[in-house]
Amino acid sequence: MSGKKVAQVLKILGNAHCLCIMLRLLGEGKTLENLSQTTGLSPATVTYYVNRLCQRNLVKGERQGHQVSYSVNAENTDALALLQSVAALYCEQRVPVKSFPHPKAV
């Protein structure tokens, strides 16, 4: 991965909401409703950030009936490796989203 791509991924993961969503998507897919419940973010906020992550090829959606299940895009191996490193260093225990600083406060 080039330095520019690493910087782009780290910039996205530097957003507390994006990081929180990405960490919850590691391992298994989740619906927008599930992400909203597990992160404490409003459905509109989750939708906004999941769309941003999809546009950057970090998250992919798979239709399952009437809902879409989102997961980390495993084809983006470099970004996945960065996320797994962050998770290994930072997430020995599950941290609720409310403990993350608000992105505008950083």
Protein backbone atom coordinates (compact mmCIF):
# COMPACT_ATOMS: atom_id res chain seq x y z
CA MET A 1 0.00 0.00 0.00
CA SER A 2 1.39 3.39 -0.93
CA GLY A 3 1.97 6.06 1.67
CA LYS A 4 -0.87 8.10 0.21
CA LYS A 5 -3.35 5.21 0.57
CA VAL A 6 -2.22 4.49 4.12
CA ALA A 7 -2.74 8.17 5.00
CA GLN A 8 -6.24 8.10 3.46
CA VAL A 9 -7.24 5.01 5.44
CA LEU A 10 -5.78 6.40 8.66
CA LYS A 11 -7.62 9.69 8.09
CA ILE A 12 -10.92 7.82 7.80
CA LEU A 13 -10.14 5.67 10.85
CA GLY A 14 -9.23 8.86 12.70
CA ASN A 15 -12.92 9.74 12.69
CA ALA A 16 -14.34 8.28 15.91
CA HIS A 17 -17.64 7.26 14.30
CA CYS A 18 -15.96 5.56 11.33
CA LEU A 19 -13.54 3.72 13.60
CA CYS A 20 -16.34 2.58 15.88
CA ILE A 21 -18.39 1.28 12.95
CA MET A 22 -15.41 -0.44 11.33
CA LEU A 23 -14.44 -2.19 14.57
CA ARG A 24 -17.96 -3.51 15.00
CA LEU A 25 -17.96 -4.82 11.44
CA LEU A 26 -14.83 -6.92 11.97
CA GLY A 27 -15.70 -10.60 11.90
CA GLU A 28 -19.34 -10.49 10.90
CA GLY A 29 -21.80 -8.47 8.90
CA LYS A 30 -24.31 -6.19 10.51
CA THR A 31 -27.36 -4.28 9.35
CA LEU A 32 -27.67 -0.52 9.74
CA GLU A 33 -30.21 -1.10 12.51
CA ASN A 34 -27.83 -3.41 14.37
CA LEU A 35 -24.96 -0.94 13.97
CA SER A 36 -27.15 1.84 15.32
CA GLN A 37 -28.07 -0.24 18.36
CA THR A 38 -24.53 -1.43 19.12
CA THR A 39 -22.84 1.95 18.61
CA GLY A 40 -25.45 4.20 20.17
CA LEU A 41 -25.39 6.36 17.04
CA SER A 42 -28.60 7.47 15.36
CA PRO A 43 -29.68 5.53 12.25
CA ALA A 44 -29.06 8.63 10.10
CA THR A 45 -25.51 8.98 11.44
CA VAL A 46 -24.76 5.30 10.87
CA THR A 47 -26.13 5.50 7.33
CA TYR A 48 -24.01 8.56 6.57
CA TYR A 49 -20.75 7.00 7.78
CA VAL A 50 -21.42 3.55 6.29
CA ASN A 51 -22.00 5.24 2.92
CA ARG A 52 -18.68 7.10 3.27
CA LEU A 53 -16.91 3.84 4.12
CA CYS A 54 -18.52 2.08 1.14
CA GLN A 55 -17.45 4.88 -1.20
CA ARG A 56 -13.86 4.39 -0.04
CA ASN A 57 -14.07 0.63 -0.62
CA LEU A 58 -13.57 -0.14 3.09
CA VAL A 59 -17.03 -1.60 3.66
CA LYS A 60 -19.26 -3.62 1.37
CA GLY A 61 -22.95 -4.38 1.54
CA GLU A 62 -24.70 -7.62 0.70
CA ARG A 63 -28.46 -7.71 0.24
CA GLN A 64 -30.21 -10.31 2.38
CA GLY A 65 -33.90 -10.17 1.66
CA HIS A 66 -35.16 -6.69 2.53
CA GLN A 67 -32.05 -5.69 4.45
CA VAL A 68 -28.41 -5.12 3.63
CA SER A 69 -25.70 -6.68 5.74
CA TYR A 70 -22.51 -4.62 5.84
CA SER A 71 -19.04 -5.97 6.53
CA VAL A 72 -15.42 -4.92 6.23
CA ASN A 73 -14.30 -5.35 2.63
CA ALA A 74 -11.85 -8.25 2.96
CA GLU A 75 -10.65 -7.64 -0.62
CA ASN A 76 -9.03 -4.42 0.61
CA THR A 77 -6.36 -6.43 2.43
CA ASP A 78 -4.09 -3.52 3.31
CA ALA A 79 -6.88 -1.53 4.94
CA LEU A 80 -8.10 -4.67 6.70
CA ALA A 81 -4.59 -5.28 8.09
CA LEU A 82 -4.46 -1.69 9.42
CA LEU A 83 -7.87 -2.08 11.05
CA GLN A 84 -6.91 -5.40 12.63
CA SER A 85 -3.74 -3.80 14.01
CA VAL A 86 -5.76 -0.99 15.54
CA ALA A 87 -8.20 -3.51 17.01
CA ALA A 88 -5.38 -5.62 18.46
CA LEU A 89 -3.75 -2.59 20.09
CA TYR A 90 -6.85 -0.75 21.19
CA CYS A 91 -9.68 -3.20 21.74
CA GLU A 92 -8.77 -5.66 24.45
CA GLN A 93 -12.22 -4.84 25.73
CA ARG A 94 -15.23 -3.51 23.86
CA VAL A 95 -15.35 0.27 24.14
CA PRO A 96 -18.76 1.91 23.74
CA VAL A 97 -18.97 4.70 21.21
CA LYS A 98 -19.74 7.28 23.89
CA SER A 99 -16.16 6.92 25.19
CA PHE A 100 -14.76 8.04 21.84
CA PRO A 101 -14.22 11.80 21.58
CA HIS A 102 -16.56 13.60 19.22
CA PRO A 103 -14.79 14.09 15.86
CA LYS A 104 -15.17 17.88 16.04
CA ALA A 105 -13.61 17.95 19.52
CA VAL A 106 -10.38 16.40 18.26
